PDB file of N, CA and C in Angstrom:
ATOM      1  N   UNK A   1      -1.404  -0.920 -10.694  1.00  0.00           N
ATOM      2  CA  UNK A   1      -0.773  -0.203  -9.465  1.00  0.00           C
ATOM      3  C   UNK A   1       0.659  -0.204  -9.883  1.00  0.00           C
ATOM      4  N   UNK A   2       1.242   1.297 -10.191  1.00  0.00           N
ATOM      5  CA  UNK A   2       2.454   1.980 -10.761  1.00  0.00           C
ATOM      6  C   UNK A   2       3.627   2.380  -9.436  1.00  0.00           C
ATOM      7  N   UNK A   3       4.942   1.399  -9.035  1.00  0.00           N
ATOM      8  CA  UNK A   3       5.623   2.070  -8.072  1.00  0.00           C
ATOM      9  C   UNK A   3       6.631   3.297  -8.395  1.00  0.00           C
ATOM     10  N   UNK A   4       6.422   4.304  -8.665  1.00  0.00           N
ATOM     11  CA  UNK A   4       6.956   5.392  -8.657  1.00  0.00           C
ATOM     12  C   UNK A   4       8.031   5.687  -8.085  1.00  0.00           C
ATOM     13  N   UNK A   5       8.609   4.881  -7.211  1.00  0.00           N
ATOM     14  CA  UNK A   5       9.552   5.034  -6.343  1.00  0.00           C
ATOM     15  C   UNK A   5      11.071   4.825  -7.437  1.00  0.00           C
ATOM     16  N   UNK A   6      10.913   3.725  -8.415  1.00  0.00           N
ATOM     17  CA  UNK A   6      11.955   3.046  -9.237  1.00  0.00           C
ATOM     18  C   UNK A   6      11.967   4.153 -10.474  1.00  0.00           C
ATOM     19  N   UNK A   7      13.361   4.439 -10.363  1.00  0.00           N
ATOM     20  CA  UNK A   7      13.210   5.223 -12.111  1.00  0.00           C
ATOM     21  C   UNK A   7      13.807   4.412 -12.937  1.00  0.00           C
ATOM     22  N   UNK A   8      13.694   4.073 -14.137  1.00  0.00           N
ATOM     23  CA  UNK A   8      13.796   3.389 -15.376  1.00  0.00           C
ATOM     24  C   UNK A   8      15.417   4.010 -15.956  1.00  0.00           C
ATOM     25  N   UNK A   9      15.730   5.372 -15.725  1.00  0.00           N
ATOM     26  CA  UNK A   9      16.123   6.144 -15.845  1.00  0.00           C
ATOM     27  C   UNK A   9      17.359   6.318 -15.352  1.00  0.00           C
ATOM     28  N   UNK A  10      18.940   6.058 -14.390  1.00  0.00           N
ATOM     29  CA  UNK A  10      19.944   6.724 -13.396  1.00  0.00           C
ATOM     30  C   UNK A  10      20.791   7.351 -14.547  1.00  0.00           C
ATOM     31  N   UNK A  11      20.685   8.857 -13.392  1.00  0.00           N
ATOM     32  CA  UNK A  11      21.693  10.169 -14.131  1.00  0.00           C
ATOM     33  C   UNK A  11      22.631   9.896 -13.650  1.00  0.00           C
ATOM     34  N   UNK A  12      23.665   9.609 -13.950  1.00  0.00           N
ATOM     35  CA  UNK A  12      25.310   9.568 -14.536  1.00  0.00           C
ATOM     36  C   UNK A  12      25.765  10.593 -13.470  1.00  0.00           C
ATOM     37  N   UNK A  13      26.558  10.355 -12.121  1.00  0.00           N
ATOM     38  CA  UNK A  13      26.981  11.461 -11.111  1.00  0.00           C
ATOM     39  C   UNK A  13      27.945  11.865 -11.887  1.00  0.00           C
ATOM     40  N   UNK A  14      28.063  13.507 -12.154  1.00  0.00           N
ATOM     41  CA  UNK A  14      29.050  14.853 -12.142  1.00  0.00           C
ATOM     42  C   UNK A  14      30.755  14.104 -11.849  1.00  0.00           C
ATOM     43  N   UNK A  15      31.606  14.761 -12.931  1.00  0.00           N
ATOM     44  CA  UNK A  15      32.388  14.877 -13.113  1.00  0.00           C
ATOM     45  C   UNK A  15      33.091  15.821 -11.484  1.00  0.00           C
ATOM     46  N   UNK A  16      33.573  15.926 -10.894  1.00  0.00           N
ATOM     47  CA  UNK A  16      34.568  17.385 -10.048  1.00  0.00           C
ATOM     48  C   UNK A  16      35.647  17.938 -10.236  1.00  0.00           C
ATOM     49  N   UNK A  17      36.408  19.489 -10.536  1.00  0.00           N
ATOM     50  CA  UNK A  17      37.417  19.625 -10.157  1.00  0.00           C
ATOM     51  C   UNK A  17      37.303  20.460  -9.561  1.00  0.00           C
ATOM     52  N   UNK A  18      38.863  20.423  -8.945  1.00  0.00           N
ATOM     53  CA  UNK A  18      39.049  21.422  -7.556  1.00  0.00           C
ATOM     54  C   UNK A  18      39.463  22.811  -8.491  1.00  0.00           C
ATOM     55  N   UNK A  19      39.684  23.727  -7.418  1.00  0.00           N
ATOM     56  CA  UNK A  19      40.457  25.017  -7.660  1.00  0.00           C
ATOM     57  C   UNK A  19      41.349  24.955  -7.973  1.00  0.00           C
ATOM     58  N   UNK A  20      42.535  24.560  -7.358  1.00  0.00           N
ATOM     59  CA  UNK A  20      43.716  23.640  -7.501  1.00  0.00           C
ATOM     60  C   UNK A  20      43.996  23.280  -9.090  1.00  0.00           C
ATOM     61  N   UNK A  21      43.286  22.207  -9.709  1.00  0.00           N
ATOM     62  CA  UNK A  21      43.483  21.870 -10.865  1.00  0.00           C
ATOM     63  C   UNK A  21      42.986  22.721 -11.833  1.00  0.00           C
ATOM     64  N   UNK A  22      41.884  23.837 -11.368  1.00  0.00           N
ATOM     65  CA  UNK A  22      41.136  24.756 -12.217  1.00  0.00           C
ATOM     66  C   UNK A  22      42.832  25.299 -12.619  1.00  0.00           C
ATOM     67  N   UNK A  23      43.058  25.515 -11.764  1.00  0.00           N
ATOM     68  CA  UNK A  23      44.250  27.049 -11.837  1.00  0.00           C
ATOM     69  C   UNK A  23      45.730  25.945 -12.403  1.00  0.00           C
ATOM     70  N   UNK A  24      45.764  25.214 -12.353  1.00  0.00           N
ATOM     71  CA  UNK A  24      47.065  23.941 -13.221  1.00  0.00           C
ATOM     72  C   UNK A  24      46.669  24.496 -14.999  1.00  0.00           C
ATOM     73  N   UNK A  25      45.204  23.545 -14.833  1.00  0.00           N
ATOM     74  CA  UNK A  25      44.928  24.212 -16.666  1.00  0.00           C
ATOM     75  C   UNK A  25      45.127  25.536 -16.378  1.00  0.00           C
ATOM     76  N   UNK A  26      44.950  26.104 -16.044  1.00  0.00           N
ATOM     77  CA  UNK A  26      44.910  27.308 -16.860  1.00  0.00           C
ATOM     78  C   UNK A  26      46.442  28.129 -16.745  1.00  0.00           C
ATOM     79  N   UNK A  27      46.617  27.517 -16.222  1.00  0.00           N
ATOM     80  CA  UNK A  27      48.697  27.746 -15.876  1.00  0.00           C
ATOM     81  C   UNK A  27      49.266  27.104 -17.337  1.00  0.00           C
ATOM     82  N   UNK A  28      48.604  26.013 -17.359  1.00  0.00           N
ATOM     83  CA  UNK A  28      49.089  25.658 -18.666  1.00  0.00           C
ATOM     84  C   UNK A  28      48.815  25.579 -20.398  1.00  0.00           C
ATOM     85  N   UNK A  29      47.433  26.154 -19.771  1.00  0.00           N
ATOM     86  CA  UNK A  29      47.072  26.835 -21.507  1.00  0.00           C
ATOM     87  C   UNK A  29      47.741  27.782 -21.691  1.00  0.00           C
ATOM     88  N   UNK A  30      48.224  29.213 -20.629  1.00  0.00           N
ATOM     89  CA  UNK A  30      49.426  30.240 -20.547  1.00  0.00           C
ATOM     90  C   UNK A  30      50.271  29.429 -21.213  1.00  0.00           C
ATOM     91  N   UNK A  31      50.899  28.899 -20.395  1.00  0.00           N
ATOM     92  CA  UNK A  31      52.347  28.472 -21.360  1.00  0.00           C
ATOM     93  C   UNK A  31      51.678  27.890 -22.881  1.00  0.00           C
ATOM     94  N   UNK A  32      50.818  27.498 -23.152  1.00  0.00           N
ATOM     95  CA  UNK A  32      50.711  26.582 -24.313  1.00  0.00           C
ATOM     96  C   UNK A  32      50.710  27.784 -25.525  1.00  0.00           C
ATOM     97  N   UNK A  33      50.052  29.095 -24.924  1.00  0.00           N
ATOM     98  CA  UNK A  33      49.408  30.535 -25.872  1.00  0.00           C
ATOM     99  C   UNK A  33      48.113  29.766 -26.507  1.00  0.00           C
ATOM    100  N   UNK A  34      47.232  28.539 -25.336  1.00  0.00           N
ATOM    101  CA  UNK A  34      46.030  28.181 -26.564  1.00  0.00           C
ATOM    102  C   UNK A  34      45.334  28.563 -25.355  1.00  0.00           C
ATOM    103  N   UNK A  35      44.258  29.397 -25.722  1.00  0.00           N
ATOM    104  CA  UNK A  35      42.832  29.647 -24.523  1.00  0.00           C
ATOM    105  C   UNK A  35      41.505  28.506 -24.342  1.00  0.00           C
ATOM    106  N   UNK A  36      42.106  27.327 -25.624  1.00  0.00           N
ATOM    107  CA  UNK A  36      41.027  26.683 -25.839  1.00  0.00           C
ATOM    108  C   UNK A  36      41.022  25.052 -25.498  1.00  0.00           C
ATOM    109  N   UNK A  37      41.831  24.994 -25.174  1.00  0.00           N
ATOM    110  CA  UNK A  37      42.813  23.715 -24.673  1.00  0.00           C
ATOM    111  C   UNK A  37      42.128  23.098 -23.470  1.00  0.00           C
ATOM    112  N   UNK A  38      41.631  22.676 -23.089  1.00  0.00           N
ATOM    113  CA  UNK A  38      40.808  21.623 -22.339  1.00  0.00           C
ATOM    114  C   UNK A  38      41.957  20.489 -21.683  1.00  0.00           C
ATOM    115  N   UNK A  39      41.338  20.127 -20.575  1.00  0.00           N
ATOM    116  CA  UNK A  39      41.798  19.108 -19.730  1.00  0.00           C
ATOM    117  C   UNK A  39      41.183  17.728 -20.295  1.00  0.00           C
ATOM    118  N   UNK A  40      41.873  16.683 -20.843  1.00  0.00           N
ATOM    119  CA  UNK A  40      41.038  15.088 -21.096  1.00  0.00           C
ATOM    120  C   UNK A  40      41.741  14.375 -20.635  1.00  0.00           C
ATOM    121  N   UNK A  41      40.494  13.326 -19.925  1.00  0.00           N
ATOM    122  CA  UNK A  41      40.952  12.732 -18.958  1.00  0.00           C
ATOM    123  C   UNK A  41      40.584  11.252 -19.600  1.00  0.00           C
ATOM    124  N   UNK A  42      41.404  10.519 -19.681  1.00  0.00           N
ATOM    125  CA  UNK A  42      40.338   8.618 -20.507  1.00  0.00           C
ATOM    126  C   UNK A  42      41.272   7.867 -19.709  1.00  0.00           C
ATOM    127  N   UNK A  43      40.728   6.292 -19.274  1.00  0.00           N
ATOM    128  CA  UNK A  43      40.434   5.745 -18.618  1.00  0.00           C
ATOM    129  C   UNK A  43      40.879   4.256 -19.953  1.00  0.00           C
ATOM    130  N   UNK A  44      41.966   4.125 -19.515  1.00  0.00           N
ATOM    131  CA  UNK A  44      42.311   2.986 -20.620  1.00  0.00           C
ATOM    132  C   UNK A  44      42.662   1.177 -19.853  1.00  0.00           C
ATOM    133  N   UNK A  45      42.680   0.153 -20.407  1.00  0.00           N
ATOM    134  CA  UNK A  45      43.210  -1.163 -19.599  1.00  0.00           C
ATOM    135  C   UNK A  45      44.408  -0.471 -19.207  1.00  0.00           C
ATOM    136  N   UNK A  46      44.887  -1.475 -18.132  1.00  0.00           N
ATOM    137  CA  UNK A  46      46.594  -1.452 -17.995  1.00  0.00           C
ATOM    138  C   UNK A  46      46.859  -1.117 -16.934  1.00  0.00           C
ATOM    139  N   UNK A  47      48.242  -0.866 -16.608  1.00  0.00           N
ATOM    140  CA  UNK A  47      48.493  -0.507 -15.250  1.00  0.00           C
ATOM    141  C   UNK A  47      48.511  -1.011 -14.214  1.00  0.00           C
ATOM    142  N   UNK A  48      49.094  -0.536 -12.878  1.00  0.00           N
ATOM    143  CA  UNK A  48      48.857  -2.057 -11.373  1.00  0.00           C
ATOM    144  C   UNK A  48      48.061  -2.738 -11.015  1.00  0.00           C
ATOM    145  N   UNK A  49      46.626  -1.815 -12.066  1.00  0.00           N
ATOM    146  CA  UNK A  49      45.592  -2.298 -10.951  1.00  0.00           C
ATOM    147  C   UNK A  49      44.758  -2.892 -11.975  1.00  0.00           C
ATOM    148  N   UNK A  50      44.991  -2.277 -13.589  1.00  0.00           N
ATOM    149  CA  UNK A  50      43.798  -2.969 -13.905  1.00  0.00           C
ATOM    150  C   UNK A  50      43.127  -1.661 -14.928  1.00  0.00           C
ATOM    151  N   UNK A  51      43.120  -0.662 -14.444  1.00  0.00           N
ATOM    152  CA  UNK A  51      43.198   0.338 -15.249  1.00  0.00           C
ATOM    153  C   UNK A  51      43.815   1.636 -15.142  1.00  0.00           C
ATOM    154  N   UNK A  52      43.942   2.850 -16.161  1.00  0.00           N
ATOM    155  CA  UNK A  52      44.726   3.552 -15.125  1.00  0.00           C
ATOM    156  C   UNK A  52      44.242   4.753 -16.302  1.00  0.00           C
ATOM    157  N   UNK A  53      44.760   5.836 -15.552  1.00  0.00           N
ATOM    158  CA  UNK A  53      44.008   7.367 -16.107  1.00  0.00           C
ATOM    159  C   UNK A  53      44.912   7.604 -16.855  1.00  0.00           C
ATOM    160  N   UNK A  54      44.806   8.876 -17.737  1.00  0.00           N
ATOM    161  CA  UNK A  54      45.284   9.320 -18.870  1.00  0.00           C
ATOM    162  C   UNK A  54      44.649  10.820 -18.634  1.00  0.00           C
ATOM    163  N   UNK A  55      45.887  11.434 -19.075  1.00  0.00           N
ATOM    164  CA  UNK A  55      45.699  13.227 -18.653  1.00  0.00           C
ATOM    165  C   UNK A  55      46.466  13.461 -20.242  1.00  0.00           C
ATOM    166  N   UNK A  56      45.134  14.723 -20.821  1.00  0.00           N
ATOM    167  CA  UNK A  56      46.263  15.252 -21.891  1.00  0.00           C
ATOM    168  C   UNK A  56      45.523  16.534 -21.954  1.00  0.00           C
ATOM    169  N   UNK A  57      46.156  17.996 -22.785  1.00  0.00           N
ATOM    170  CA  UNK A  57      45.816  18.615 -23.401  1.00  0.00           C
ATOM    171  C   UNK A  57      44.732  18.506 -24.768  1.00  0.00           C
ATOM    172  N   UNK A  58      43.384  19.662 -25.363  1.00  0.00           N
ATOM    173  CA  UNK A  58      43.156  19.047 -26.270  1.00  0.00           C
ATOM    174  C   UNK A  58      42.609  19.729 -26.176  1.00  0.00           C
ATOM    175  N   UNK A  59      42.109  20.377 -27.640  1.00  0.00           N
ATOM    176  CA  UNK A  59      41.147  21.732 -27.912  1.00  0.00           C
ATOM    177  C   UNK A  59      39.942  21.144 -28.791  1.00  0.00           C
ATOM    178  N   UNK A  60      39.699  19.847 -29.304  1.00  0.00           N
ATOM    179  CA  UNK A  60      38.945  19.317 -30.219  1.00  0.00           C
ATOM    180  C   UNK A  60      37.973  17.850 -28.951  1.00  0.00           C
ATOM    181  N   UNK A  61      36.820  18.317 -29.499  1.00  0.00           N
ATOM    182  CA  UNK A  61      35.763  17.789 -28.849  1.00  0.00           C
ATOM    183  C   UNK A  61      35.137  16.264 -29.942  1.00  0.00           C
ATOM    184  N   UNK A  62      35.136  15.307 -29.193  1.00  0.00           N
ATOM    185  CA  UNK A  62      34.515  14.206 -29.627  1.00  0.00           C
ATOM    186  C   UNK A  62      33.242  14.473 -29.853  1.00  0.00           C
ATOM    187  N   UNK A  63      32.557  13.192 -30.428  1.00  0.00           N
ATOM    188  CA  UNK A  63      31.199  12.933 -30.583  1.00  0.00           C
ATOM    189  C   UNK A  63      30.383  12.203 -28.989  1.00  0.00           C
ATOM    190  N   UNK A  64      31.647  11.522 -29.204  1.00  0.00           N
ATOM    191  CA  UNK A  64      31.160  11.205 -27.478  1.00  0.00           C
ATOM    192  C   UNK A  64      31.826  11.593 -26.479  1.00  0.00           C
ATOM    193  N   UNK A  65      32.306  12.972 -26.791  1.00  0.00           N
ATOM    194  CA  UNK A  65      32.729  13.378 -25.199  1.00  0.00           C
ATOM    195  C   UNK A  65      31.739  13.880 -24.485  1.00  0.00           C
ATOM    196  N   UNK A  66      31.847  14.397 -22.362  1.00  0.00           N
ATOM    197  CA  UNK A  66      30.534  15.081 -22.457  1.00  0.00           C
ATOM    198  C   UNK A  66      31.974  16.545 -21.585  1.00  0.00           C
ATOM    199  N   UNK A  67      31.249  17.255 -21.445  1.00  0.00           N
ATOM    200  CA  UNK A  67      32.399  18.217 -20.576  1.00  0.00           C
ATOM    201  C   UNK A  67      31.514  18.552 -18.963  1.00  0.00           C
ATOM    202  N   UNK A  68      32.734  19.331 -18.830  1.00  0.00           N
ATOM    203  CA  UNK A  68      32.241  19.672 -17.095  1.00  0.00           C
ATOM    204  C   UNK A  68      33.320  21.221 -16.614  1.00  0.00           C
ATOM    205  N   UNK A  69      32.551  22.360 -16.380  1.00  0.00           N
ATOM    206  CA  UNK A  69      33.092  23.062 -16.067  1.00  0.00           C
ATOM    207  C   UNK A  69      33.423  23.906 -14.333  1.00  0.00           C
ATOM    208  N   UNK A  70      34.633  24.199 -14.237  1.00  0.00           N
ATOM    209  CA  UNK A  70      34.757  25.101 -12.978  1.00  0.00           C
ATOM    210  C   UNK A  70      35.874  26.341 -13.955  1.00  0.00           C
ATOM    211  N   UNK A  71      35.078  27.198 -13.090  1.00  0.00           N
ATOM    212  CA  UNK A  71      36.707  28.864 -13.202  1.00  0.00           C
ATOM    213  C   UNK A  71      36.847  28.897 -14.808  1.00  0.00           C
ATOM    214  N   UNK A  72      36.380  28.311 -15.722  1.00  0.00           N
ATOM    215  CA  UNK A  72      36.701  29.290 -17.048  1.00  0.00           C
ATOM    216  C   UNK A  72      37.572  27.843 -17.785  1.00  0.00           C
ATOM    217  N   UNK A  73      37.582  26.760 -16.682  1.00  0.00           N
ATOM    218  CA  UNK A  73      38.020  25.597 -17.291  1.00  0.00           C
ATOM    219  C   UNK A  73      37.149  24.725 -17.707  1.00  0.00           C
ATOM    220  N   UNK A  74      37.704  23.807 -18.667  1.00  0.00           N
ATOM    221  CA  UNK A  74      36.460  22.437 -19.843  1.00  0.00           C
ATOM    222  C   UNK A  74      37.133  21.064 -19.023  1.00  0.00           C
ATOM    223  N   UNK A  75      36.981  20.192 -18.496  1.00  0.00           N
ATOM    224  CA  UNK A  75      36.877  18.887 -18.361  1.00  0.00           C
ATOM    225  C   UNK A  75      36.684  18.636 -19.195  1.00  0.00           C
ATOM    226  N   UNK A  76      37.448  17.345 -20.702  1.00  0.00           N
ATOM    227  CA  UNK A  76      36.189  16.595 -21.348  1.00  0.00           C
ATOM    228  C   UNK A  76      36.778  14.765 -21.156  1.00  0.00           C
ATOM    229  N   UNK A  77      35.660  14.609 -21.091  1.00  0.00           N
ATOM    230  CA  UNK A  77      36.308  12.971 -20.944  1.00  0.00           C
ATOM    231  C   UNK A  77      34.611  12.294 -21.466  1.00  0.00           C
ATOM    232  N   UNK A  78      35.718  10.873 -22.192  1.00  0.00           N
ATOM    233  CA  UNK A  78      34.725  10.269 -23.645  1.00  0.00           C
ATOM    234  C   UNK A  78      33.867   9.296 -22.348  1.00  0.00           C
ATOM    235  N   UNK A  79      32.574   9.189 -22.771  1.00  0.00           N
ATOM    236  CA  UNK A  79      31.479   8.072 -23.157  1.00  0.00           C
ATOM    237  C   UNK A  79      32.017   7.247 -21.923  1.00  0.00           C
ATOM    238  N   UNK A  80      33.050   6.382 -22.855  1.00  0.00           N
ATOM    239  CA  UNK A  80      33.057   5.002 -21.941  1.00  0.00           C
ATOM    240  C   UNK A  80      33.676   5.232 -20.184  1.00  0.00           C
ATOM    241  N   UNK A  81      34.805   6.511 -20.731  1.00  0.00           N
ATOM    242  CA  UNK A  81      35.404   6.404 -19.081  1.00  0.00           C
ATOM    243  C   UNK A  81      34.302   7.155 -18.442  1.00  0.00           C
ATOM    244  N   UNK A  82      33.967   7.658 -18.423  1.00  0.00           N
ATOM    245  CA  UNK A  82      32.953   8.356 -17.489  1.00  0.00           C
ATOM    246  C   UNK A  82      32.583   6.880 -16.379  1.00  0.00           C
ATOM    247  N   UNK A  83      31.946   5.856 -17.259  1.00  0.00           N
ATOM    248  CA  UNK A  83      31.242   4.863 -16.633  1.00  0.00           C
ATOM    249  C   UNK A  83      32.010   4.181 -15.777  1.00  0.00           C
ATOM    250  N   UNK A  84      33.247   4.669 -15.796  1.00  0.00           N
ATOM    251  CA  UNK A  84      34.018   4.400 -14.772  1.00  0.00           C
ATOM    252  C   UNK A  84      34.921   5.437 -13.959  1.00  0.00           C
ATOM    253  N   UNK A  85      34.300   6.873 -14.193  1.00  0.00           N
ATOM    254  CA  UNK A  85      34.779   7.732 -13.537  1.00  0.00           C
ATOM    255  C   UNK A  85      33.556   8.556 -12.774  1.00  0.00           C
ATOM    256  N   UNK A  86      32.435   8.532 -12.658  1.00  0.00           N
ATOM    257  CA  UNK A  86      31.208   9.399 -12.737  1.00  0.00           C
ATOM    258  C   UNK A  86      31.265   9.648 -11.226  1.00  0.00           C
ATOM    259  N   UNK A  87      31.334  10.500 -10.752  1.00  0.00           N
ATOM    260  CA  UNK A  87      31.687  11.087  -8.620  1.00  0.00           C
ATOM    261  C   UNK A  87      33.032  11.565  -8.751  1.00  0.00           C
ATOM    262  N   UNK A  88      33.597  11.327  -9.532  1.00  0.00           N
ATOM    263  CA  UNK A  88      34.667  11.068  -8.875  1.00  0.00           C
ATOM    264  C   UNK A  88      35.318  13.160  -9.273  1.00  0.00           C
ATOM    265  N   UNK A  89      36.904  13.518  -7.911  1.00  0.00           N
ATOM    266  CA  UNK A  89      36.577  14.574  -7.587  1.00  0.00           C
ATOM    267  C   UNK A  89      38.341  14.654  -8.634  1.00  0.00           C
ATOM    268  N   UNK A  90      38.835  15.413  -9.202  1.00  0.00           N
ATOM    269  CA  UNK A  90      40.591  15.901 -10.058  1.00  0.00           C
ATOM    270  C   UNK A  90      40.716  17.071  -9.261  1.00  0.00           C
ATOM    271  N   UNK A  91      41.943  16.395  -9.014  1.00  0.00           N
ATOM    272  CA  UNK A  91      42.735  17.060  -7.766  1.00  0.00           C
ATOM    273  C   UNK A  91      44.036  17.566  -8.195  1.00  0.00           C
ATOM    274  N   UNK A  92      44.473  18.430  -8.104  1.00  0.00           N
ATOM    275  CA  UNK A  92      46.088  18.885  -8.379  1.00  0.00           C
ATOM    276  C   UNK A  92      47.010  19.130  -7.210  1.00  0.00           C
ATOM    277  N   UNK A  93      47.694  17.883  -7.005  1.00  0.00           N
ATOM    278  CA  UNK A  93      48.657  17.700  -5.960  1.00  0.00           C
ATOM    279  C   UNK A  93      50.264  18.586  -6.565  1.00  0.00           C
ATOM    280  N   UNK A  94      50.603  19.088  -5.179  1.00  0.00           N
ATOM    281  CA  UNK A  94      51.873  19.795  -5.098  1.00  0.00           C
ATOM    282  C   UNK A  94      52.739  18.960  -3.508  1.00  0.00           C
ATOM    283  N   UNK A  95      53.479  17.884  -4.233  1.00  0.00           N
ATOM    284  CA  UNK A  95      54.360  17.475  -2.565  1.00  0.00           C
ATOM    285  C   UNK A  95      55.865  17.760  -3.292  1.00  0.00           C
ATOM    286  N   UNK A  96      56.710  17.280  -1.765  1.00  0.00           N
ATOM    287  CA  UNK A  96      58.016  17.374  -2.427  1.00  0.00           C
ATOM    288  C   UNK A  96      58.437  16.317  -3.222  1.00  0.00           C
ATOM    289  N   UNK A  97      57.745  15.398  -3.409  1.00  0.00           N
ATOM    290  CA  UNK A  97      58.146  14.184  -4.827  1.00  0.00           C
ATOM    291  C   UNK A  97      57.740  14.761  -5.867  1.00  0.00           C
ATOM    292  N   UNK A  98      56.622  15.512  -6.313  1.00  0.00           N
ATOM    293  CA  UNK A  98      56.915  16.026  -7.656  1.00  0.00           C
ATOM    294  C   UNK A  98      55.224  16.501  -7.791  1.00  0.00           C
ATOM    295  N   UNK A  99      54.566  17.046  -8.492  1.00  0.00           N
ATOM    296  CA  UNK A  99      53.548  17.393  -8.543  1.00  0.00           C
ATOM    297  C   UNK A  99      52.626  16.719  -9.740  1.00  0.00           C
ATOM    298  N   UNK A 100      51.111  16.550  -9.897  1.00  0.00           N
ATOM    299  CA  UNK A 100      50.292  15.717 -10.351  1.00  0.00           C
ATOM    300  C   UNK A 100      48.682  16.008 -10.388  1.00  0.00           C
ATOM    301  N   UNK A 101      48.325  15.290 -11.504  1.00  0.00           N
ATOM    302  CA  UNK A 101      47.145  15.702 -11.764  1.00  0.00           C
ATOM    303  C   UNK A 101      46.222  13.837 -10.203  1.00  0.00           C
ATOM    304  N   UNK A 102      45.042  13.915  -9.856  1.00  0.00           N
ATOM    305  CA  UNK A 102      44.819  13.217  -8.993  1.00  0.00           C
ATOM    306  C   UNK A 102      43.540  12.472  -9.067  1.00  0.00           C
ATOM    307  N   UNK A 103      43.311  11.843  -9.175  1.00  0.00           N
ATOM    308  CA  UNK A 103      41.793  11.403  -9.096  1.00  0.00           C
ATOM    309  C   UNK A 103      41.403  11.184  -7.884  1.00  0.00           C
ATOM    310  N   UNK A 104      40.293  11.535  -7.201  1.00  0.00           N
ATOM    311  CA  UNK A 104      39.774  10.343  -6.230  1.00  0.00           C
ATOM    312  C   UNK A 104      38.288  10.105  -6.486  1.00  0.00           C
ATOM    313  N   UNK A 105      38.732   8.448  -6.326  1.00  0.00           N
ATOM    314  CA  UNK A 105      37.239   8.197  -7.819  1.00  0.00           C
ATOM    315  C   UNK A 105      36.417   6.801  -6.967  1.00  0.00           C
ATOM    316  N   UNK A 106      35.372   7.607  -6.353  1.00  0.00           N
ATOM    317  CA  UNK A 106      34.576   6.886  -5.515  1.00  0.00           C
ATOM    318  C   UNK A 106      34.541   5.620  -6.170  1.00  0.00           C
ATOM    319  N   UNK A 107      34.944   5.510  -7.500  1.00  0.00           N
ATOM    320  CA  UNK A 107      34.263   4.120  -8.164  1.00  0.00           C
ATOM    321  C   UNK A 107      35.631   2.676  -7.844  1.00  0.00           C
ATOM    322  N   UNK A 108      36.355   3.346  -7.528  1.00  0.00           N
ATOM    323  CA  UNK A 108      37.653   2.322  -7.357  1.00  0.00           C
ATOM    324  C   UNK A 108      37.541   1.013  -6.230  1.00  0.00           C
ATOM    325  N   UNK A 109      37.449   0.144  -6.074  1.00  0.00           N
ATOM    326  CA  UNK A 109      38.212  -0.287  -5.515  1.00  0.00           C
ATOM    327  C   UNK A 109      39.672  -0.488  -4.346  1.00  0.00           C
ATOM    328  N   UNK A 110      40.075   0.153  -5.559  1.00  0.00           N
ATOM    329  CA  UNK A 110      41.472  -0.046  -4.849  1.00  0.00           C
ATOM    330  C   UNK A 110      42.557   0.691  -6.292  1.00  0.00           C
ATOM    331  N   UNK A 111      43.480   0.788  -5.574  1.00  0.00           N
ATOM    332  CA  UNK A 111      44.449   1.833  -6.445  1.00  0.00           C
ATOM    333  C   UNK A 111      45.656   1.342  -6.226  1.00  0.00           C
ATOM    334  N   UNK A 112      46.861   1.681  -6.807  1.00  0.00           N
ATOM    335  CA  UNK A 112      48.326   1.403  -6.837  1.00  0.00           C
ATOM    336  C   UNK A 112      48.533   2.739  -5.929  1.00  0.00           C
ATOM    337  N   UNK A 113      49.956   2.132  -5.760  1.00  0.00           N
ATOM    338  CA  UNK A 113      51.242   3.379  -4.691  1.00  0.00           C
ATOM    339  C   UNK A 113      51.154   4.533  -5.676  1.00  0.00           C
ATOM    340  N   UNK A 114      51.466   4.436  -6.923  1.00  0.00           N
ATOM    341  CA  UNK A 114      51.490   5.518  -8.254  1.00  0.00           C
ATOM    342  C   UNK A 114      50.425   6.773  -8.108  1.00  0.00           C
ATOM    343  N   UNK A 115      49.766   6.004  -7.936  1.00  0.00           N
ATOM    344  CA  UNK A 115      47.859   6.631  -8.154  1.00  0.00           C
ATOM    345  C   UNK A 115      47.196   6.642  -9.319  1.00  0.00           C
ATOM    346  N   UNK A 116      47.827   6.343 -10.540  1.00  0.00           N
ATOM    347  CA  UNK A 116      47.713   6.394 -11.598  1.00  0.00           C
ATOM    348  C   UNK A 116      47.003   5.228 -12.383  1.00  0.00           C
ATOM    349  N   UNK A 117      46.462   4.086 -10.965  1.00  0.00           N
ATOM    350  CA  UNK A 117      46.471   2.878 -11.833  1.00  0.00           C
ATOM    351  C   UNK A 117      44.783   2.593 -10.187  1.00  0.00           C
ATOM    352  N   UNK A 118      44.102   1.751 -11.335  1.00  0.00           N
ATOM    353  CA  UNK A 118      43.244   1.323  -9.976  1.00  0.00           C
ATOM    354  C   UNK A 118      42.399   0.678 -10.022  1.00  0.00           C
ATOM    355  N   UNK A 119      41.573  -0.471  -9.787  1.00  0.00           N
ATOM    356  CA  UNK A 119      40.771  -1.359  -9.828  1.00  0.00           C
ATOM    357  C   UNK A 119      39.402  -1.037  -9.116  1.00  0.00           C
ATOM    358  N   UNK A 120      38.127  -1.677 -10.235  1.00  0.00           N
ATOM    359  CA  UNK A 120      37.021  -1.419  -9.739  1.00  0.00           C
ATOM    360  C   UNK A 120      36.110  -3.272  -9.204  1.00  0.00           C
TER     361      UNK A 120
END
């Protein structure tokens, strides 16, 4: 008798992008004059909480990249970073102290005041 309620394959939750974040990437692509630019997000060790987010614009896909799209904008994340970003939402925030990309990450157990580093 087999138990069909258990699955040996776990599907990685997607990464989502808000409309504000997509609009900001579109603006940055236009400023750079390159419509092929994608928002690359990477997680690396460091920061005040253990891991930190890195954001860059890139027009090249690597073999281990996963892509997510919204409103004609592509977000690129490598497989290792995706292990820590599954289910996260990328937003673009404009406040009096500045404007920045922000990640709401359900995998983070805590984050620091700067918002660019987190712990799991």
